[in-house]
Amino acid sequence: MTTRQQEDPSYIDYEAFLDPAFNPSAFANTLVLATNNPSDVPLDLSTPLSRVLFDTQEVDSHIDSLTSKQAAPLLTYTHEQTAASKRIISELDAQIKSLNDSYKQLEKEVIDKHAEAEEVRQVATRLWETLKLGRSVGRCLQLGRQLEVQHAEVAASSPSPAAAAAAKKEDHRALVRCSHTILSLREILDNDALGEEGYGLARVDAVRTLRDAVIAPIERSARETADKIIRDFAIPDSATFAQGEETKARTVSGMITLFLLSPAPAPAAAAAAQKTDRWAPHLLLAALEGYLRSALQSSIASLSRSLGQLPTLERTLADISARCQNVVALELVLESTKLPTHPLVAAPQKQTNMLQPLLAHLETGSLPSYFWRTMAGSLGQRVQEIVNRGGVAARTLRSNRASVGDAVRECVVRGCQMPSALKGKTRGEGNWEREVAVMVGSVVNNLGR
């Protein structure tokens, strides 16, 4: 027995209760089995319950006995712990007070100032955004005013003939300046993502008014003017060298204008177009293709009528050869004009002049060849219609087969020559035998026997 058990004998097995492996359920089961037979029905639980109650009373009495005997040491220990706690609390109070004072000082010097600084930062940020927006609006309005002045130069009408002639020479250059100004405005207004120059401009009434009342009408007017310049392109044989140069300069200005005003792709699509060379100046190509289409339609219609009325054939062929000479002159102008730099689109590296995009678009090697081959493709059916209708026109056309073929051959050869106003330009003479054969064949070969 231990010393504690010798001094305070007890029937309770404290070691069993203090064992970490003690299980209340197993202990209760042991008590039940010790006071009952396994075959008893029902079991007697009052005896083990009384045992547990007696043990509880014994433990309680033992606790009272111990606390009574050890009251003085316990009170001394409690007093010492209380005094130590008070000393700790007094020390902690001083530290906590110092910590609170430090926090208040930091709050005053850091947190409050940080809150004030955050407000100032927000104000400065908004002022900076307002300043950037104001600068963008100011730049747009300045460019808009500049665009109006440039457009006024294009559409200016002067009272004196000399001043009118000078203004006519200058207007096409103002057209190009208009295009560059429109591109500058487009670059600002289209870059409207967060952080870009055009961000927020769509919400400004002045900018919306500028876009709707100034930019859009002037851009439409510039496109129409450039279209008309290309549509009216012609260099007759009677034109002087100076007139030819003036027509060329106006045409170049019109082409550059349409090239610059052609819709540019979005930034992501622009990067893809730069890699694949897919971007094309659609406005310029449409205007040039329209010019060729108009010349072809007029030539095919007039030649079809003249083949049924041979006395008018000579005059018609002269007009057609003049149209083809204009096509030759247009090709020379395109070939001698370098592809301008588009501010919003990187120019394809494989194309160096304005002729190459048009030839690629039309899928041809030269414009005169395209002119004659396209005309021949449509003319054969017209000749067959004349022959199928019969009558005097068909018989006259058959009987003059040779002279008609010679006239067509001469028309093709004459049409492929350079206009006299541009003959000083360096350009190699082409071989047009195939075009001659195609045109003559489209007429003669469809006459039958």
Protein backbone atom coordinates (compact mmCIF):
# COMPACT_ATOMS: atom_id res chain seq x y z
CA MET A 1 0.00 0.00 0.00
CA THR A 2 1.12 3.52 -0.68
CA THR A 3 1.78 6.12 1.99
CA ARG A 4 -1.44 7.95 1.06
CA GLN A 5 -3.44 4.74 1.54
CA GLN A 6 -1.71 3.98 4.89
CA GLU A 7 -2.54 7.44 6.23
CA ASP A 8 -6.10 7.41 4.85
CA PRO A 9 -7.28 3.80 4.39
CA SER A 10 -10.13 3.36 1.89
CA TYR A 11 -11.72 0.39 0.20
CA ILE A 12 -11.86 2.25 -3.14
CA ASP A 13 -9.28 1.18 -5.70
CA TYR A 14 -8.06 4.65 -6.76
CA GLU A 15 -5.39 3.15 -8.97
CA ALA A 16 -8.07 1.46 -11.12
CA PHE A 17 -10.00 4.72 -11.52
CA LEU A 18 -6.83 6.66 -12.31
CA ASP A 19 -5.67 4.14 -14.90
CA PRO A 20 -5.70 5.77 -18.42
CA ALA A 21 -7.25 2.55 -19.73
CA PHE A 22 -10.25 2.86 -17.39
CA ASN A 23 -13.56 2.23 -19.24
CA PRO A 24 -16.81 3.20 -17.47
CA SER A 25 -18.86 0.73 -19.51
CA ALA A 26 -16.53 -2.16 -18.69
CA PHE A 27 -16.51 -1.20 -14.98
CA ALA A 28 -20.33 -1.06 -14.90
CA ASN A 29 -20.54 -4.42 -16.65
CA THR A 30 -18.15 -5.91 -14.04
CA LEU A 31 -20.38 -4.63 -11.20
CA VAL A 32 -23.51 -6.05 -12.82
CA LEU A 33 -21.92 -9.47 -13.37
CA ALA A 34 -20.53 -9.50 -9.80
CA THR A 35 -23.98 -8.96 -8.26
CA ASN A 36 -26.10 -11.06 -10.65
CA ASN A 37 -26.11 -14.46 -12.24
CA PRO A 38 -25.98 -14.46 -16.05
CA SER A 39 -29.25 -16.44 -16.13
CA ASP A 40 -31.22 -14.04 -13.90
CA VAL A 41 -34.27 -12.50 -15.58
CA PRO A 42 -34.70 -9.64 -14.95
CA LEU A 43 -31.32 -8.36 -13.80
CA ASP A 44 -31.00 -6.71 -10.40
CA LEU A 45 -29.49 -3.27 -11.03
CA SER A 46 -30.22 -1.79 -7.62
CA THR A 47 -27.25 -3.50 -5.94
CA PRO A 48 -24.58 -2.26 -8.42
CA LEU A 49 -26.23 1.19 -8.38
CA SER A 50 -26.00 1.27 -4.58
CA ARG A 51 -22.34 0.27 -4.83
CA VAL A 52 -21.66 3.18 -7.19
CA LEU A 53 -23.51 5.59 -4.88
CA PHE A 54 -21.54 4.35 -1.86
CA ASP A 55 -18.29 4.82 -3.79
CA THR A 56 -19.33 8.34 -4.73
CA GLN A 57 -20.11 9.22 -1.11
CA GLU A 58 -16.77 7.76 -0.03
CA VAL A 59 -14.89 9.86 -2.61
CA ASP A 60 -16.81 12.97 -1.55
CA SER A 61 -16.01 12.33 2.10
CA HIS A 62 -12.39 11.77 1.23
CA ILE A 63 -12.26 15.09 -0.63
CA ASP A 64 -13.80 16.91 2.36
CA SER A 65 -11.29 15.27 4.67
CA LEU A 66 -8.34 16.22 2.50
CA THR A 67 -9.43 19.83 2.05
CA SER A 68 -10.02 20.18 5.79
CA LYS A 69 -6.61 18.80 6.70
CA GLN A 70 -4.79 20.79 3.94
CA ALA A 71 -6.75 24.07 4.21
CA ALA A 72 -3.79 26.16 5.34
CA PRO A 73 -1.42 25.06 2.54
CA LEU A 74 -4.20 25.47 -0.02
CA LEU A 75 -5.02 28.97 1.18
CA THR A 76 -1.33 29.87 1.20
CA TYR A 77 -0.91 28.55 -2.33
CA THR A 78 -4.02 30.39 -3.52
CA HIS A 79 -2.81 33.61 -1.87
CA GLU A 80 0.57 33.29 -3.54
CA GLN A 81 -1.03 32.66 -6.93
CA THR A 82 -3.36 35.62 -6.49
CA ALA A 83 -0.47 37.90 -5.55
CA ALA A 84 1.56 36.70 -8.51
CA SER A 85 -1.41 37.29 -10.80
CA LYS A 86 -1.83 40.82 -9.44
CA ARG A 87 1.85 41.55 -10.06
CA ILE A 88 1.53 40.21 -13.61
CA ILE A 89 -1.61 42.25 -14.20
CA SER A 90 0.04 45.41 -12.91
CA GLU A 91 2.97 44.86 -15.23
CA LEU A 92 0.62 44.06 -18.13
CA ASP A 93 -1.49 47.15 -17.44
CA ALA A 94 1.54 49.35 -17.92
CA GLN A 95 2.47 47.53 -21.11
CA ILE A 96 -1.11 47.62 -22.41
CA LYS A 97 -1.36 51.34 -21.62
CA SER A 98 1.91 51.94 -23.45
CA LEU A 99 0.67 49.82 -26.36
CA ASN A 100 -2.63 51.73 -26.51
CA ASP A 101 -0.78 55.03 -26.43
CA SER A 102 1.50 53.84 -29.23
CA TYR A 103 -1.51 52.70 -31.27
CA LYS A 104 -3.21 56.07 -30.80
CA GLN A 105 -0.02 57.78 -31.89
CA LEU A 106 0.25 55.52 -34.93
CA GLU A 107 -3.41 56.03 -35.69
CA LYS A 108 -2.87 59.76 -35.57
CA GLU A 109 0.35 59.72 -37.57
CA VAL A 110 -0.33 56.84 -39.99
CA ILE A 111 -3.92 55.66 -40.20
CA ASP A 112 -5.56 59.08 -40.22
CA LYS A 113 -2.95 60.43 -42.58
CA HIS A 114 -3.32 57.33 -44.76
CA ALA A 115 -7.06 57.90 -44.94
CA GLU A 116 -6.46 61.52 -45.88
CA ALA A 117 -3.82 60.44 -48.38
CA GLU A 118 -6.23 57.89 -49.87
CA GLU A 119 -8.82 60.62 -50.36
CA VAL A 120 -6.18 62.82 -51.95
CA ARG A 121 -5.11 59.91 -54.17
CA GLN A 122 -8.68 59.34 -55.31
CA VAL A 123 -9.11 63.05 -56.01
CA ALA A 124 -5.80 63.17 -57.88
CA THR A 125 -6.72 60.06 -59.87
CA ARG A 126 -10.06 61.50 -60.87
CA LEU A 127 -8.48 64.84 -61.70
CA TRP A 128 -5.90 63.04 -63.84
CA GLU A 129 -8.63 61.07 -65.62
CA THR A 130 -10.56 64.29 -66.13
CA LEU A 131 -7.42 66.00 -67.43
CA LYS A 132 -6.73 63.14 -69.86
CA LEU A 133 -10.34 63.18 -71.00
CA GLY A 134 -10.19 66.95 -71.39
CA ARG A 135 -6.99 66.71 -73.41
CA SER A 136 -8.53 64.03 -75.63
CA VAL A 137 -11.67 66.11 -76.11
CA GLY A 138 -9.56 69.18 -76.86
CA ARG A 139 -7.46 67.29 -79.36
CA CYS A 140 -10.57 65.89 -81.05
CA LEU A 141 -12.13 69.33 -81.28
CA GLN A 142 -8.89 70.80 -82.60
CA LEU A 143 -8.64 68.07 -85.23
CA GLY A 144 -12.31 68.58 -86.03
CA ARG A 145 -11.73 72.28 -86.63
CA GLN A 146 -8.67 71.46 -88.72
CA LEU A 147 -10.76 68.99 -90.70
CA GLU A 148 -13.40 71.63 -91.40
CA VAL A 149 -10.75 74.06 -92.66
CA GLN A 150 -9.19 71.40 -94.89
CA HIS A 151 -12.57 70.39 -96.26
CA ALA A 152 -13.33 74.04 -96.97
CA GLU A 153 -10.13 74.14 -99.04
CA VAL A 154 -11.37 71.14 -101.03
CA ALA A 155 -14.76 72.69 -101.71
CA ALA A 156 -13.53 76.31 -102.02
CA SER A 157 -14.88 78.41 -104.86
CA SER A 158 -12.81 81.44 -105.83
CA PRO A 159 -14.23 84.56 -107.53
CA SER A 160 -11.41 85.14 -110.03
CA PRO A 161 -10.50 82.62 -112.76
CA ALA A 162 -6.81 82.69 -111.80
CA ALA A 163 -7.60 82.03 -108.15
CA ALA A 164 -10.09 79.33 -109.15
CA ALA A 165 -7.42 77.59 -111.21
CA ALA A 166 -4.98 77.79 -108.31
CA ALA A 167 -7.61 76.42 -105.94
CA LYS A 168 -8.37 73.59 -108.35
CA LYS A 169 -4.70 72.61 -108.32
CA GLU A 170 -4.60 72.70 -104.55
CA ASP A 171 -7.90 70.99 -103.68
CA HIS A 172 -6.68 67.46 -104.31
CA ARG A 173 -3.78 67.96 -101.90
CA ALA A 174 -6.22 69.22 -99.26
CA LEU A 175 -8.18 66.01 -99.87
CA VAL A 176 -5.19 63.96 -98.74
CA ARG A 177 -4.73 66.20 -95.71
CA CYS A 178 -8.39 65.63 -94.86
CA SER A 179 -7.81 61.89 -95.00
CA HIS A 180 -4.87 62.06 -92.61
CA THR A 181 -6.87 64.19 -90.19
CA ILE A 182 -9.79 61.74 -90.35
CA LEU A 183 -7.38 58.90 -89.59
CA SER A 184 -6.01 60.81 -86.60
CA LEU A 185 -9.54 61.25 -85.29
CA ARG A 186 -10.39 57.63 -86.03
CA GLU A 187 -7.28 56.49 -84.16
CA ILE A 188 -8.36 58.41 -81.06
CA LEU A 189 -12.04 57.48 -81.15
CA ASP A 190 -11.54 53.80 -81.95
CA ASN A 191 -8.99 53.23 -79.16
CA ASP A 192 -11.61 53.40 -76.42
CA ALA A 193 -10.41 50.65 -74.08
CA LEU A 194 -9.55 51.40 -70.45
CA GLY A 195 -6.29 53.34 -70.25
CA GLU A 196 -6.30 54.36 -73.93
CA GLU A 197 -6.65 57.87 -75.26
CA GLY A 198 -10.21 57.47 -76.45
CA TYR A 199 -11.57 55.98 -73.22
CA GLY A 200 -14.69 57.84 -72.09
CA LEU A 201 -15.03 60.01 -75.20
CA ALA A 202 -18.23 58.23 -76.23
CA ARG A 203 -19.96 59.75 -73.18
CA VAL A 204 -19.03 63.34 -74.10
CA ASP A 205 -21.78 65.16 -75.98
CA ALA A 206 -19.34 67.42 -77.84
CA VAL A 207 -17.44 64.42 -79.20
CA ARG A 208 -20.65 62.66 -80.25
CA THR A 209 -21.77 65.82 -82.02
CA LEU A 210 -18.34 66.12 -83.65
CA ARG A 211 -18.53 62.53 -84.89
CA ASP A 212 -22.07 62.83 -86.26
CA ALA A 213 -22.07 66.42 -87.56
CA VAL A 214 -18.48 66.90 -88.75
CA ILE A 215 -16.42 63.73 -89.14
CA ALA A 216 -19.00 61.47 -90.79
CA PRO A 217 -20.26 64.05 -93.37
CA ILE A 218 -16.75 65.21 -94.29
CA GLU A 219 -15.47 61.65 -94.58
CA ARG A 220 -18.41 60.82 -96.84
CA SER A 221 -17.75 63.96 -98.91
CA ALA A 222 -14.03 63.13 -99.21
CA ARG A 223 -14.84 59.61 -100.37
CA GLU A 224 -17.34 60.89 -102.92
CA THR A 225 -14.86 63.49 -104.20
CA ALA A 226 -12.10 60.89 -104.53
CA ASP A 227 -14.50 58.50 -106.26
CA LYS A 228 -15.44 61.23 -108.73
CA ILE A 229 -11.77 62.01 -109.44
CA ILE A 230 -11.12 58.38 -110.35
CA ARG A 231 -14.42 58.06 -112.20
CA ASP A 232 -13.58 61.12 -114.34
CA PHE A 233 -9.99 60.03 -115.03
CA ALA A 234 -9.16 60.59 -118.71
CA ILE A 235 -6.12 61.83 -120.62
CA PRO A 236 -7.14 62.56 -124.24
CA ASP A 237 -4.63 62.76 -127.08
CA SER A 238 -5.19 66.51 -127.25
CA ALA A 239 -4.03 66.98 -123.64
CA THR A 240 -0.74 68.78 -123.07
CA PHE A 241 2.03 67.49 -120.85
CA ALA A 242 1.06 69.94 -118.09
CA GLN A 243 -2.58 68.85 -118.28
CA GLY A 244 -1.50 65.21 -118.10
CA GLU A 245 0.63 65.89 -115.03
CA GLU A 246 -2.22 67.75 -113.35
CA THR A 247 -4.65 64.89 -114.08
CA LYS A 248 -2.11 62.41 -112.75
CA ALA A 249 -1.59 64.44 -109.56
CA ARG A 250 -5.34 64.71 -108.94
CA THR A 251 -5.78 61.00 -109.55
CA VAL A 252 -2.95 60.11 -107.19
CA SER A 253 -4.53 62.29 -104.49
CA GLY A 254 -7.88 60.58 -105.03
CA MET A 255 -6.31 57.12 -104.85
CA ILE A 256 -4.34 57.97 -101.70
CA THR A 257 -7.52 59.33 -100.13
CA LEU A 258 -9.45 56.14 -100.81
CA PHE A 259 -6.50 54.04 -99.67
CA LEU A 260 -6.31 55.88 -96.35
CA LEU A 261 -10.07 55.93 -95.78
CA SER A 262 -10.48 52.21 -96.45
CA PRO A 263 -11.79 50.53 -93.28
CA ALA A 264 -8.98 49.31 -91.07
CA PRO A 265 -9.43 46.05 -89.15
CA ALA A 266 -9.66 45.80 -85.40
CA PRO A 267 -6.32 45.55 -83.53
CA ALA A 268 -6.47 41.73 -83.21
CA ALA A 269 -7.58 41.36 -86.82
CA ALA A 270 -4.92 43.88 -87.90
CA ALA A 271 -2.19 41.71 -86.39
CA ALA A 272 -3.56 38.67 -88.21
CA ALA A 273 -3.88 40.66 -91.46
CA GLN A 274 -0.28 41.81 -91.14
CA LYS A 275 0.88 38.19 -90.87
CA THR A 276 -1.25 36.91 -93.76
CA ASP A 277 -1.23 40.04 -96.02
CA ARG A 278 -5.03 39.83 -96.19
CA TRP A 279 -5.88 43.47 -95.59
CA ALA A 280 -6.73 45.34 -98.78
CA PRO A 281 -7.80 48.96 -99.46
CA HIS A 282 -11.39 48.07 -100.31
CA LEU A 283 -12.53 51.61 -101.14
CA LEU A 284 -9.67 52.12 -103.59
CA LEU A 285 -10.14 48.72 -105.22
CA ALA A 286 -13.90 49.25 -105.50
CA ALA A 287 -13.42 52.67 -107.17
CA LEU A 288 -10.82 51.37 -109.65
CA GLU A 289 -12.86 48.28 -110.42
CA GLY A 290 -15.91 50.50 -110.94
CA TYR A 291 -13.92 52.66 -113.37
CA LEU A 292 -12.88 49.61 -115.39
CA ARG A 293 -16.38 48.17 -115.27
CA SER A 294 -17.88 51.43 -116.53
CA ALA A 295 -15.37 51.60 -119.40
CA LEU A 296 -16.05 47.97 -120.30
CA GLN A 297 -19.82 48.30 -120.19
CA SER A 298 -19.78 51.42 -122.37
CA SER A 299 -17.35 49.83 -124.83
CA ILE A 300 -19.24 46.53 -125.08
CA ALA A 301 -22.59 48.27 -125.53
CA SER A 302 -21.34 50.72 -128.17
CA LEU A 303 -19.37 48.08 -130.11
CA SER A 304 -22.37 45.74 -130.10
CA ARG A 305 -24.51 48.48 -131.64
CA SER A 306 -21.84 49.44 -134.18
CA LEU A 307 -21.41 45.85 -135.38
CA GLY A 308 -25.05 46.04 -136.44
CA GLN A 309 -24.46 49.47 -137.98
CA LEU A 310 -21.05 49.30 -139.65
CA PRO A 311 -20.91 52.97 -140.73
CA THR A 312 -20.54 53.90 -137.04
CA LEU A 313 -17.89 51.24 -136.35
CA GLU A 314 -14.88 53.46 -137.00
CA ARG A 315 -16.03 56.14 -134.58
CA THR A 316 -16.92 53.54 -131.95
CA LEU A 317 -13.54 51.81 -132.22
CA ALA A 318 -11.82 55.18 -131.85
CA ASP A 319 -13.76 55.80 -128.63
CA ILE A 320 -12.93 52.30 -127.36
CA SER A 321 -9.22 52.72 -128.12
CA ALA A 322 -9.33 56.06 -126.27
CA ARG A 323 -10.88 54.33 -123.25
CA CYS A 324 -8.19 51.66 -123.34
CA GLN A 325 -5.51 54.36 -123.57
CA ASN A 326 -7.00 55.81 -120.39
CA VAL A 327 -6.72 52.34 -118.83
CA VAL A 328 -3.07 52.21 -119.93
CA ALA A 329 -2.51 55.66 -118.44
CA LEU A 330 -4.24 54.58 -115.23
CA GLU A 331 -1.97 51.54 -115.02
CA LEU A 332 1.07 53.79 -115.43
CA VAL A 333 -0.17 56.13 -112.70
CA LEU A 334 -0.83 53.20 -110.36
CA GLU A 335 2.53 51.61 -111.10
CA SER A 336 4.44 54.85 -110.53
CA THR A 337 2.65 55.60 -107.24
CA LYS A 338 4.23 54.05 -104.19
CA LEU A 339 1.94 52.39 -101.71
CA PRO A 340 1.45 55.01 -98.97
CA THR A 341 1.91 54.17 -95.32
CA HIS A 342 -1.40 53.59 -93.58
CA PRO A 343 -1.15 54.84 -89.97
CA LEU A 344 -3.54 52.16 -88.70
CA VAL A 345 -2.44 49.21 -90.85
CA ALA A 346 1.02 47.92 -91.67
CA ALA A 347 1.43 47.84 -95.47
CA PRO A 348 1.99 44.35 -96.92
CA GLN A 349 5.69 43.99 -97.60
CA LYS A 350 5.21 42.15 -100.89
CA GLN A 351 3.37 45.09 -102.48
CA THR A 352 5.28 48.27 -103.23
CA ASN A 353 2.97 50.24 -105.54
CA MET A 354 -0.75 50.77 -105.98
CA LEU A 355 -0.97 48.63 -109.11
CA GLN A 356 -0.12 45.38 -107.37
CA PRO A 357 -3.17 45.23 -105.05
CA LEU A 358 -5.48 45.92 -108.02
CA LEU A 359 -3.87 43.25 -110.21
CA ALA A 360 -4.11 40.77 -107.33
CA HIS A 361 -7.76 41.70 -106.81
CA LEU A 362 -8.62 41.32 -110.51
CA GLU A 363 -6.38 38.24 -110.86
CA THR A 364 -4.73 39.55 -114.01
CA GLY A 365 -1.27 40.50 -115.22
CA SER A 366 -2.09 43.94 -116.64
CA LEU A 367 -5.07 46.27 -116.93
CA PRO A 368 -5.10 46.50 -120.77
CA SER A 369 -5.07 42.72 -120.97
CA TYR A 370 -7.94 42.57 -118.46
CA PHE A 371 -9.83 45.21 -120.48
CA TRP A 372 -9.57 43.41 -123.83
CA ARG A 373 -10.05 39.88 -122.52
CA THR A 374 -13.12 40.85 -120.50
CA MET A 375 -14.57 42.67 -123.49
CA ALA A 376 -13.88 39.71 -125.76
CA GLY A 377 -15.59 37.37 -123.29
CA SER A 378 -18.81 39.40 -123.49
CA LEU A 379 -18.57 40.39 -127.16
CA GLY A 380 -18.78 36.87 -128.59
CA GLN A 381 -22.33 36.41 -127.34
CA ARG A 382 -23.39 39.80 -128.75
CA VAL A 383 -21.99 38.91 -132.20
CA GLN A 384 -23.85 35.59 -132.15
CA GLU A 385 -27.08 37.42 -131.32
CA ILE A 386 -26.59 39.67 -134.39
CA VAL A 387 -25.90 36.65 -136.61
CA ASN A 388 -28.86 34.71 -135.23
CA ARG A 389 -31.23 37.61 -135.89
CA GLY A 390 -30.10 37.61 -139.53
CA GLY A 391 -31.12 40.36 -141.91
CA VAL A 392 -29.09 43.04 -143.60
CA ALA A 393 -26.92 43.71 -140.52
CA ALA A 394 -25.78 40.08 -140.33
CA ARG A 395 -25.10 39.81 -144.07
CA THR A 396 -23.18 43.11 -144.09
CA LEU A 397 -21.12 42.03 -141.11
CA ARG A 398 -20.25 38.69 -142.76
CA SER A 399 -19.34 40.29 -146.05
CA ASN A 400 -17.03 42.77 -144.28
CA ARG A 401 -15.43 40.15 -142.08
CA ALA A 402 -11.87 41.01 -143.10
CA SER A 403 -12.21 44.78 -142.79
CA VAL A 404 -13.97 44.46 -139.43
CA GLY A 405 -11.18 42.18 -138.18
CA ASP A 406 -8.53 44.64 -139.36
CA ALA A 407 -10.37 47.53 -137.71
CA VAL A 408 -10.62 45.64 -134.42
CA ARG A 409 -6.92 44.72 -134.63
CA GLU A 410 -5.97 48.34 -135.23
CA CYS A 411 -8.22 49.42 -132.35
CA VAL A 412 -6.48 47.04 -129.92
CA VAL A 413 -3.01 48.10 -131.06
CA ARG A 414 -3.88 51.79 -130.86
CA GLY A 415 -5.64 51.36 -127.50
CA CYS A 416 -2.57 49.74 -125.92
CA GLN A 417 -0.41 52.75 -126.74
CA MET A 418 0.47 55.38 -124.19
CA PRO A 419 -1.44 58.71 -124.44
CA SER A 420 0.65 61.44 -126.02
CA ALA A 421 0.66 63.49 -122.80
CA LEU A 422 2.45 60.62 -120.99
CA LYS A 423 4.72 59.31 -123.74
CA GLY A 424 7.75 60.75 -122.03
CA LYS A 425 7.31 58.29 -119.16
CA THR A 426 9.64 55.30 -119.09
CA ARG A 427 7.65 52.16 -119.77
CA GLY A 428 8.50 49.09 -121.82
CA GLU A 429 6.41 48.29 -124.87
CA GLY A 430 4.20 45.26 -124.25
CA ASN A 431 3.36 42.45 -126.60
CA TRP A 432 -0.39 42.58 -127.26
CA GLU A 433 -0.65 39.89 -129.94
CA ARG A 434 -2.70 37.65 -127.67
CA GLU A 435 -5.15 40.44 -126.87
CA VAL A 436 -5.41 41.23 -130.60
CA ALA A 437 -6.08 37.58 -131.38
CA VAL A 438 -8.69 37.28 -128.63
CA MET A 439 -10.57 40.41 -129.70
CA VAL A 440 -10.48 39.64 -133.43
CA GLY A 441 -11.50 36.05 -132.72
CA SER A 442 -14.45 37.13 -130.56
CA VAL A 443 -15.86 38.99 -133.58
CA VAL A 444 -14.70 37.09 -136.66
CA ASN A 445 -14.94 33.55 -135.29
CA ASN A 446 -18.57 34.04 -134.31
CA LEU A 447 -19.70 35.23 -137.76
CA GLY A 448 -19.87 31.71 -139.19
CA ARG A 449 -19.51 31.10 -142.90
